[in-house]
Amino acid sequence: MPFLETIEKGISKARDLGELSRLNSEIAIRETHRKECFTVMGEKYYDSLKNGTVPDCRILYREIENIEGELEGLQRQIQRLQKVMICPGCRAKLTIVSAFCPFCGAELAKRNLCPNCGAVLDPEANYCVNCGNRAIGRKEE
């Protein structure tokens, strides 16, 4: 059944590309909103200097913090989809599974990896979504 496997891989790749496009659109929307918040914050600060008052930007600050948290989550989803991780030391994109970054030597976070293919396993997964093998130490239900 290699033909069916090829079709399934093609469908999966198309699905992944669609999800990647959606995530990138979400990121663009949030980055635009973040820029708008910074613009409003700057205008408030300018007006306060002009009027000799102290600006209250706490609400905008919290909004920007929320947006940045959402952006981090969306970036993590993209990394999972592309099967890459970012080195915490040098921020390099890594596509290999290793204990240390090959660029800066930083220790990489230990992850729950599939013993068969090396893919990152979801903490709740009983089976690897990449190769289908059962995760070690997981009970079948």
N, C-alpha and C. Protein backbone atom coordinates (compact mmCIF):
# COMPACT_ATOMS: atom_id res chain seq x y z
N MET A 1 0.79 -1.20 0.00
CA MET A 1 0.00 0.00 0.00
C MET A 1 0.84 1.28 0.00
N PRO A 2 1.99 1.30 -0.67
CA PRO A 2 2.80 2.51 -0.68
C PRO A 2 2.05 3.69 -1.30
N PHE A 3 1.18 3.41 -2.25
CA PHE A 3 0.43 4.48 -2.90
C PHE A 3 -0.47 5.20 -1.88
N LEU A 4 -1.17 4.43 -1.06
CA LEU A 4 -2.04 5.03 -0.04
C LEU A 4 -1.23 5.79 1.00
N GLU A 5 -0.06 5.24 1.36
CA GLU A 5 0.79 5.95 2.31
C GLU A 5 1.26 7.28 1.74
N THR A 6 1.58 7.31 0.46
CA THR A 6 1.99 8.55 -0.19
C THR A 6 0.87 9.57 -0.19
N ILE A 7 -0.34 9.11 -0.46
CA ILE A 7 -1.50 10.00 -0.44
C ILE A 7 -1.73 10.53 0.97
N GLU A 8 -1.65 9.65 1.96
CA GLU A 8 -1.85 10.07 3.35
C GLU A 8 -0.79 11.09 3.77
N LYS A 9 0.45 10.88 3.37
CA LYS A 9 1.52 11.84 3.69
C LYS A 9 1.25 13.18 3.02
N GLY A 10 0.77 13.14 1.78
CA GLY A 10 0.45 14.37 1.06
C GLY A 10 -0.69 15.14 1.74
N ILE A 11 -1.70 14.41 2.17
CA ILE A 11 -2.83 15.03 2.88
C ILE A 11 -2.35 15.63 4.19
N SER A 12 -1.52 14.90 4.90
CA SER A 12 -0.99 15.39 6.16
C SER A 12 -0.14 16.64 5.96
N LYS A 13 0.68 16.64 4.93
CA LYS A 13 1.52 17.81 4.63
C LYS A 13 0.65 19.01 4.27
N ALA A 14 -0.40 18.80 3.49
CA ALA A 14 -1.31 19.89 3.13
C ALA A 14 -2.01 20.43 4.37
N ARG A 15 -2.41 19.54 5.26
CA ARG A 15 -3.07 19.96 6.51
C ARG A 15 -2.11 20.79 7.35
N ASP A 16 -0.84 20.33 7.44
CA ASP A 16 0.17 21.05 8.20
C ASP A 16 0.42 22.44 7.61
N LEU A 17 0.46 22.53 6.28
CA LEU A 17 0.67 23.83 5.64
C LEU A 17 -0.50 24.77 5.91
N GLY A 18 -1.70 24.24 5.90
CA GLY A 18 -2.88 25.05 6.22
C GLY A 18 -2.83 25.56 7.65
N GLU A 19 -2.44 24.70 8.57
CA GLU A 19 -2.33 25.09 9.98
C GLU A 19 -1.22 26.11 10.17
N LEU A 20 -0.10 25.92 9.47
CA LEU A 20 1.00 26.87 9.54
C LEU A 20 0.56 28.24 9.03
N SER A 21 -0.19 28.26 7.97
CA SER A 21 -0.72 29.52 7.42
C SER A 21 -1.65 30.20 8.42
N ARG A 22 -2.51 29.41 9.05
CA ARG A 22 -3.43 29.97 10.04
C ARG A 22 -2.67 30.57 11.22
N LEU A 23 -1.66 29.84 11.71
CA LEU A 23 -0.87 30.32 12.84
C LEU A 23 -0.13 31.61 12.48
N ASN A 24 0.45 31.65 11.29
CA ASN A 24 1.15 32.87 10.86
C ASN A 24 0.19 34.05 10.75
N SER A 25 -1.04 33.81 10.32
CA SER A 25 -2.05 34.88 10.26
C SER A 25 -2.38 35.38 11.66
N GLU A 26 -2.54 34.44 12.60
CA GLU A 26 -2.81 34.82 13.99
C GLU A 26 -1.67 35.65 14.56
N ILE A 27 -0.45 35.27 14.24
CA ILE A 27 0.71 36.02 14.72
C ILE A 27 0.70 37.42 14.15
N ALA A 28 0.42 37.56 12.86
CA ALA A 28 0.39 38.88 12.23
C ALA A 28 -0.68 39.78 12.87
N ILE A 29 -1.84 39.21 13.17
CA ILE A 29 -2.92 39.98 13.81
C ILE A 29 -2.47 40.47 15.18
N ARG A 30 -1.87 39.58 15.96
CA ARG A 30 -1.44 39.96 17.31
C ARG A 30 -0.28 40.96 17.29
N GLU A 31 0.63 40.82 16.34
CA GLU A 31 1.73 41.78 16.24
C GLU A 31 1.20 43.17 15.86
N THR A 32 0.22 43.22 15.00
CA THR A 32 -0.39 44.50 14.65
C THR A 32 -1.07 45.12 15.86
N HIS A 33 -1.78 44.31 16.63
CA HIS A 33 -2.45 44.80 17.83
C HIS A 33 -1.43 45.30 18.85
N ARG A 34 -0.32 44.57 18.99
CA ARG A 34 0.74 44.99 19.92
C ARG A 34 1.31 46.35 19.50
N LYS A 35 1.55 46.53 18.20
CA LYS A 35 2.06 47.82 17.71
C LYS A 35 1.07 48.94 17.98
N GLU A 36 -0.22 48.65 17.81
CA GLU A 36 -1.24 49.66 18.10
C GLU A 36 -1.22 50.05 19.58
N CYS A 37 -1.04 49.07 20.45
CA CYS A 37 -0.96 49.35 21.89
C CYS A 37 0.24 50.23 22.21
N PHE A 38 1.39 49.92 21.60
CA PHE A 38 2.57 50.75 21.81
C PHE A 38 2.35 52.18 21.31
N THR A 39 1.66 52.31 20.19
CA THR A 39 1.38 53.64 19.65
C THR A 39 0.50 54.43 20.61
N VAL A 40 -0.55 53.81 21.11
CA VAL A 40 -1.44 54.48 22.07
C VAL A 40 -0.67 54.84 23.34
N MET A 41 0.18 53.91 23.80
CA MET A 41 0.98 54.17 24.99
C MET A 41 1.90 55.38 24.77
N GLY A 42 2.52 55.45 23.62
CA GLY A 42 3.40 56.57 23.29
C GLY A 42 2.63 57.88 23.24
N GLU A 43 1.43 57.86 22.67
CA GLU A 43 0.60 59.07 22.61
C GLU A 43 0.20 59.52 24.01
N LYS A 44 -0.15 58.56 24.86
CA LYS A 44 -0.50 58.91 26.25
C LYS A 44 0.69 59.54 26.96
N TYR A 45 1.86 58.98 26.75
CA TYR A 45 3.06 59.49 27.40
C TYR A 45 3.37 60.90 26.89
N TYR A 46 3.25 61.10 25.58
CA TYR A 46 3.50 62.42 25.00
C TYR A 46 2.52 63.45 25.58
N ASP A 47 1.24 63.09 25.59
CA ASP A 47 0.22 64.01 26.13
C ASP A 47 0.49 64.32 27.60
N SER A 48 0.93 63.33 28.36
CA SER A 48 1.18 63.57 29.78
C SER A 48 2.38 64.50 29.96
N LEU A 49 3.41 64.36 29.14
CA LEU A 49 4.54 65.27 29.23
C LEU A 49 4.11 66.70 28.88
N LYS A 50 3.28 66.80 27.87
CA LYS A 50 2.80 68.11 27.43
C LYS A 50 1.94 68.77 28.52
N ASN A 51 1.16 67.97 29.23
CA ASN A 51 0.25 68.50 30.26
C ASN A 51 0.84 68.47 31.66
N GLY A 52 2.04 67.93 31.80
CA GLY A 52 2.66 67.87 33.12
C GLY A 52 2.02 66.87 34.06
N THR A 53 1.46 65.79 33.51
CA THR A 53 0.83 64.75 34.33
C THR A 53 1.60 63.45 34.20
N VAL A 54 1.20 62.48 34.98
CA VAL A 54 1.81 61.15 34.92
C VAL A 54 0.84 60.23 34.19
N PRO A 55 1.31 59.55 33.12
CA PRO A 55 0.39 58.68 32.38
C PRO A 55 0.10 57.39 33.12
N ASP A 56 -1.12 56.90 33.00
CA ASP A 56 -1.47 55.60 33.57
C ASP A 56 -1.60 54.62 32.41
N CYS A 57 -0.57 53.82 32.23
CA CYS A 57 -0.53 52.89 31.11
C CYS A 57 -0.62 51.44 31.56
N ARG A 58 -1.11 51.21 32.76
CA ARG A 58 -1.15 49.84 33.30
C ARG A 58 -2.01 48.92 32.45
N ILE A 59 -3.15 49.42 32.00
CA ILE A 59 -4.04 48.58 31.18
C ILE A 59 -3.36 48.21 29.87
N LEU A 60 -2.71 49.18 29.24
CA LEU A 60 -2.00 48.90 27.99
C LEU A 60 -0.83 47.95 28.23
N TYR A 61 -0.14 48.13 29.35
CA TYR A 61 0.97 47.25 29.70
C TYR A 61 0.48 45.81 29.83
N ARG A 62 -0.62 45.61 30.55
CA ARG A 62 -1.17 44.25 30.71
C ARG A 62 -1.62 43.68 29.37
N GLU A 63 -2.19 44.52 28.53
CA GLU A 63 -2.63 44.06 27.20
C GLU A 63 -1.43 43.60 26.37
N ILE A 64 -0.36 44.36 26.42
CA ILE A 64 0.86 43.99 25.68
C ILE A 64 1.44 42.70 26.24
N GLU A 65 1.45 42.56 27.56
CA GLU A 65 1.94 41.32 28.18
C GLU A 65 1.10 40.12 27.73
N ASN A 66 -0.22 40.28 27.68
CA ASN A 66 -1.10 39.20 27.22
C ASN A 66 -0.81 38.83 25.77
N ILE A 67 -0.65 39.85 24.94
CA ILE A 67 -0.37 39.62 23.52
C ILE A 67 0.95 38.87 23.37
N GLU A 68 1.96 39.28 24.12
CA GLU A 68 3.26 38.62 24.02
C GLU A 68 3.18 37.16 24.47
N GLY A 69 2.37 36.89 25.48
CA GLY A 69 2.16 35.50 25.89
C GLY A 69 1.49 34.69 24.80
N GLU A 70 0.49 35.29 24.16
CA GLU A 70 -0.19 34.60 23.06
C GLU A 70 0.78 34.36 21.90
N LEU A 71 1.64 35.34 21.61
CA LEU A 71 2.61 35.17 20.53
C LEU A 71 3.58 34.03 20.83
N GLU A 72 4.02 33.93 22.08
CA GLU A 72 4.91 32.83 22.45
C GLU A 72 4.22 31.48 22.25
N GLY A 73 2.95 31.40 22.64
CA GLY A 73 2.20 30.15 22.46
C GLY A 73 2.05 29.79 20.99
N LEU A 74 1.76 30.78 20.16
CA LEU A 74 1.63 30.53 18.72
C LEU A 74 2.97 30.10 18.12
N GLN A 75 4.06 30.72 18.56
CA GLN A 75 5.38 30.33 18.07
C GLN A 75 5.71 28.89 18.47
N ARG A 76 5.32 28.49 19.68
CA ARG A 76 5.56 27.10 20.12
C ARG A 76 4.76 26.13 19.24
N GLN A 77 3.54 26.51 18.88
CA GLN A 77 2.73 25.64 18.02
C GLN A 77 3.40 25.48 16.66
N ILE A 78 3.96 26.57 16.13
CA ILE A 78 4.66 26.50 14.85
C ILE A 78 5.89 25.60 14.97
N GLN A 79 6.62 25.75 16.06
CA GLN A 79 7.81 24.91 16.26
C GLN A 79 7.45 23.44 16.31
N ARG A 80 6.36 23.10 17.00
CA ARG A 80 5.92 21.71 17.06
C ARG A 80 5.54 21.20 15.68
N LEU A 81 4.82 22.05 14.94
CA LEU A 81 4.37 21.68 13.61
C LEU A 81 5.56 21.46 12.68
N GLN A 82 6.57 22.30 12.80
CA GLN A 82 7.75 22.19 11.94
C GLN A 82 8.79 21.23 12.51
N LYS A 83 8.48 20.67 13.70
CA LYS A 83 9.39 19.74 14.37
C LYS A 83 10.76 20.37 14.61
N VAL A 84 10.75 21.61 15.11
CA VAL A 84 11.99 22.29 15.48
C VAL A 84 11.88 22.77 16.92
N MET A 85 13.02 23.06 17.50
CA MET A 85 13.04 23.69 18.81
C MET A 85 14.02 24.86 18.73
N ILE A 86 13.86 25.81 19.62
CA ILE A 86 14.73 26.97 19.66
C ILE A 86 15.68 26.82 20.84
N CYS A 87 16.96 27.02 20.58
CA CYS A 87 17.96 26.93 21.65
C CYS A 87 17.75 28.08 22.62
N PRO A 88 17.67 27.80 23.91
CA PRO A 88 17.48 28.88 24.88
C PRO A 88 18.72 29.75 25.03
N GLY A 89 19.88 29.28 24.58
CA GLY A 89 21.11 30.05 24.69
C GLY A 89 21.32 31.02 23.55
N CYS A 90 21.29 30.51 22.31
CA CYS A 90 21.61 31.35 21.15
C CYS A 90 20.43 31.59 20.23
N ARG A 91 19.26 31.02 20.55
CA ARG A 91 18.03 31.18 19.77
C ARG A 91 18.09 30.54 18.38
N ALA A 92 19.04 29.62 18.16
CA ALA A 92 19.13 28.92 16.88
C ALA A 92 17.98 27.94 16.74
N LYS A 93 17.51 27.77 15.50
CA LYS A 93 16.49 26.77 15.21
C LYS A 93 17.18 25.42 15.05
N LEU A 94 16.74 24.45 15.84
CA LEU A 94 17.34 23.13 15.82
C LEU A 94 16.34 22.11 15.32
N THR A 95 16.76 21.30 14.36
CA THR A 95 15.88 20.25 13.83
C THR A 95 16.35 18.87 14.25
N ILE A 96 17.42 18.82 15.01
CA ILE A 96 17.93 17.55 15.49
C ILE A 96 17.61 17.38 16.97
N VAL A 97 17.53 16.15 17.40
CA VAL A 97 17.28 15.88 18.81
C VAL A 97 18.63 15.64 19.47
N SER A 98 18.99 16.48 20.42
CA SER A 98 20.26 16.31 21.13
C SER A 98 20.13 16.90 22.53
N ALA A 99 21.11 16.62 23.35
CA ALA A 99 21.10 17.11 24.73
C ALA A 99 21.69 18.52 24.82
N PHE A 100 22.54 18.89 23.82
CA PHE A 100 23.20 20.20 23.84
C PHE A 100 23.09 20.84 22.47
N CYS A 101 23.08 22.19 22.45
CA CYS A 101 23.01 22.94 21.20
C CYS A 101 24.34 22.78 20.46
N PRO A 102 24.31 22.45 19.16
CA PRO A 102 25.55 22.30 18.41
C PRO A 102 26.22 23.65 18.10
N PHE A 103 25.52 24.75 18.31
CA PHE A 103 26.08 26.07 18.00
C PHE A 103 26.71 26.76 19.21
N CYS A 104 26.05 26.68 20.36
CA CYS A 104 26.57 27.40 21.53
C CYS A 104 26.86 26.49 22.72
N GLY A 105 26.46 25.24 22.65
CA GLY A 105 26.74 24.29 23.72
C GLY A 105 25.76 24.32 24.88
N ALA A 106 24.71 25.15 24.78
CA ALA A 106 23.73 25.24 25.87
C ALA A 106 23.01 23.90 26.03
N GLU A 107 22.74 23.55 27.30
CA GLU A 107 21.98 22.33 27.55
C GLU A 107 20.54 22.56 27.14
N LEU A 108 20.01 21.64 26.38
CA LEU A 108 18.64 21.76 25.90
C LEU A 108 17.70 21.08 26.88
N ALA A 109 16.50 21.60 26.96
CA ALA A 109 15.50 21.05 27.88
C ALA A 109 15.28 19.58 27.57
N LYS A 110 15.22 18.81 28.61
CA LYS A 110 14.95 17.39 28.43
C LYS A 110 13.48 17.24 28.08
N ARG A 111 13.24 16.47 27.05
CA ARG A 111 11.87 16.30 26.58
C ARG A 111 11.51 14.83 26.57
N ASN A 112 10.24 14.59 26.53
CA ASN A 112 9.74 13.24 26.41
C ASN A 112 9.80 12.89 24.92
N LEU A 113 10.78 12.08 24.54
CA LEU A 113 11.02 11.78 23.14
C LEU A 113 10.65 10.34 22.82
N CYS A 114 10.18 10.15 21.60
CA CYS A 114 9.87 8.81 21.12
C CYS A 114 11.18 8.03 20.98
N PRO A 115 11.27 6.84 21.57
CA PRO A 115 12.50 6.06 21.48
C PRO A 115 12.76 5.53 20.06
N ASN A 116 11.72 5.50 19.23
CA ASN A 116 11.86 4.96 17.89
C ASN A 116 12.33 6.01 16.89
N CYS A 117 11.67 7.19 16.87
CA CYS A 117 11.98 8.18 15.84
C CYS A 117 12.54 9.49 16.39
N GLY A 118 12.49 9.70 17.71
CA GLY A 118 13.04 10.90 18.31
C GLY A 118 12.10 12.09 18.33
N ALA A 119 10.87 11.92 17.86
CA ALA A 119 9.90 13.02 17.87
C ALA A 119 9.49 13.36 19.30
N VAL A 120 9.15 14.63 19.52
CA VAL A 120 8.68 15.05 20.84
C VAL A 120 7.28 14.50 21.05
N LEU A 121 7.11 13.83 22.20
CA LEU A 121 5.81 13.24 22.53
C LEU A 121 4.97 14.20 23.35
N ASP A 122 3.70 14.23 23.09
CA ASP A 122 2.76 14.95 23.94
C ASP A 122 2.77 14.24 25.30
N PRO A 123 2.77 15.00 26.40
CA PRO A 123 2.82 14.36 27.72
C PRO A 123 1.70 13.36 27.97
N GLU A 124 0.56 13.53 27.33
CA GLU A 124 -0.58 12.65 27.53
C GLU A 124 -0.67 11.54 26.49
N ALA A 125 0.23 11.55 25.49
CA ALA A 125 0.13 10.62 24.37
C ALA A 125 0.50 9.20 24.78
N ASN A 126 -0.26 8.25 24.28
CA ASN A 126 0.08 6.84 24.44
C ASN A 126 0.88 6.34 23.25
N TYR A 127 0.74 7.03 22.11
CA TYR A 127 1.42 6.65 20.88
C TYR A 127 2.05 7.88 20.24
N CYS A 128 3.15 7.65 19.54
CA CYS A 128 3.84 8.73 18.83
C CYS A 128 3.03 9.11 17.59
N VAL A 129 2.79 10.40 17.41
CA VAL A 129 2.03 10.85 16.25
C VAL A 129 2.90 10.84 14.99
N ASN A 130 4.20 10.70 15.16
CA ASN A 130 5.10 10.71 14.02
C ASN A 130 5.28 9.32 13.41
N CYS A 131 5.50 8.29 14.27
CA CYS A 131 5.76 6.95 13.74
C CYS A 131 4.73 5.90 14.18
N GLY A 132 3.89 6.23 15.16
CA GLY A 132 2.85 5.32 15.59
C GLY A 132 3.25 4.32 16.66
N ASN A 133 4.50 4.32 17.07
CA ASN A 133 4.93 3.39 18.12
C ASN A 133 4.38 3.80 19.46
N ARG A 134 4.17 2.78 20.32
CA ARG A 134 3.66 3.04 21.66
C ARG A 134 4.74 3.70 22.49
N ALA A 135 4.35 4.71 23.24
CA ALA A 135 5.29 5.42 24.11
C ALA A 135 5.65 4.50 25.28
N ILE A 136 6.93 4.44 25.61
CA ILE A 136 7.40 3.59 26.70
C ILE A 136 6.82 4.08 28.00
N GLY A 137 6.38 3.15 28.83
CA GLY A 137 5.85 3.50 30.14
C GLY A 137 4.40 3.93 30.13
N ARG A 138 3.77 3.92 28.97
CA ARG A 138 2.37 4.33 28.89
C ARG A 138 1.50 3.10 28.85
N LYS A 139 0.41 3.14 29.55
CA LYS A 139 -0.52 2.01 29.59
C LYS A 139 -1.52 2.14 28.46
N GLU A 140 -1.86 1.03 27.87
CA GLU A 140 -2.91 1.03 26.86
C GLU A 140 -4.25 0.99 27.58
N GLU A 141 -5.16 1.76 27.07
CA GLU A 141 -6.48 1.81 27.71
C GLU A 141 -7.47 0.98 26.96
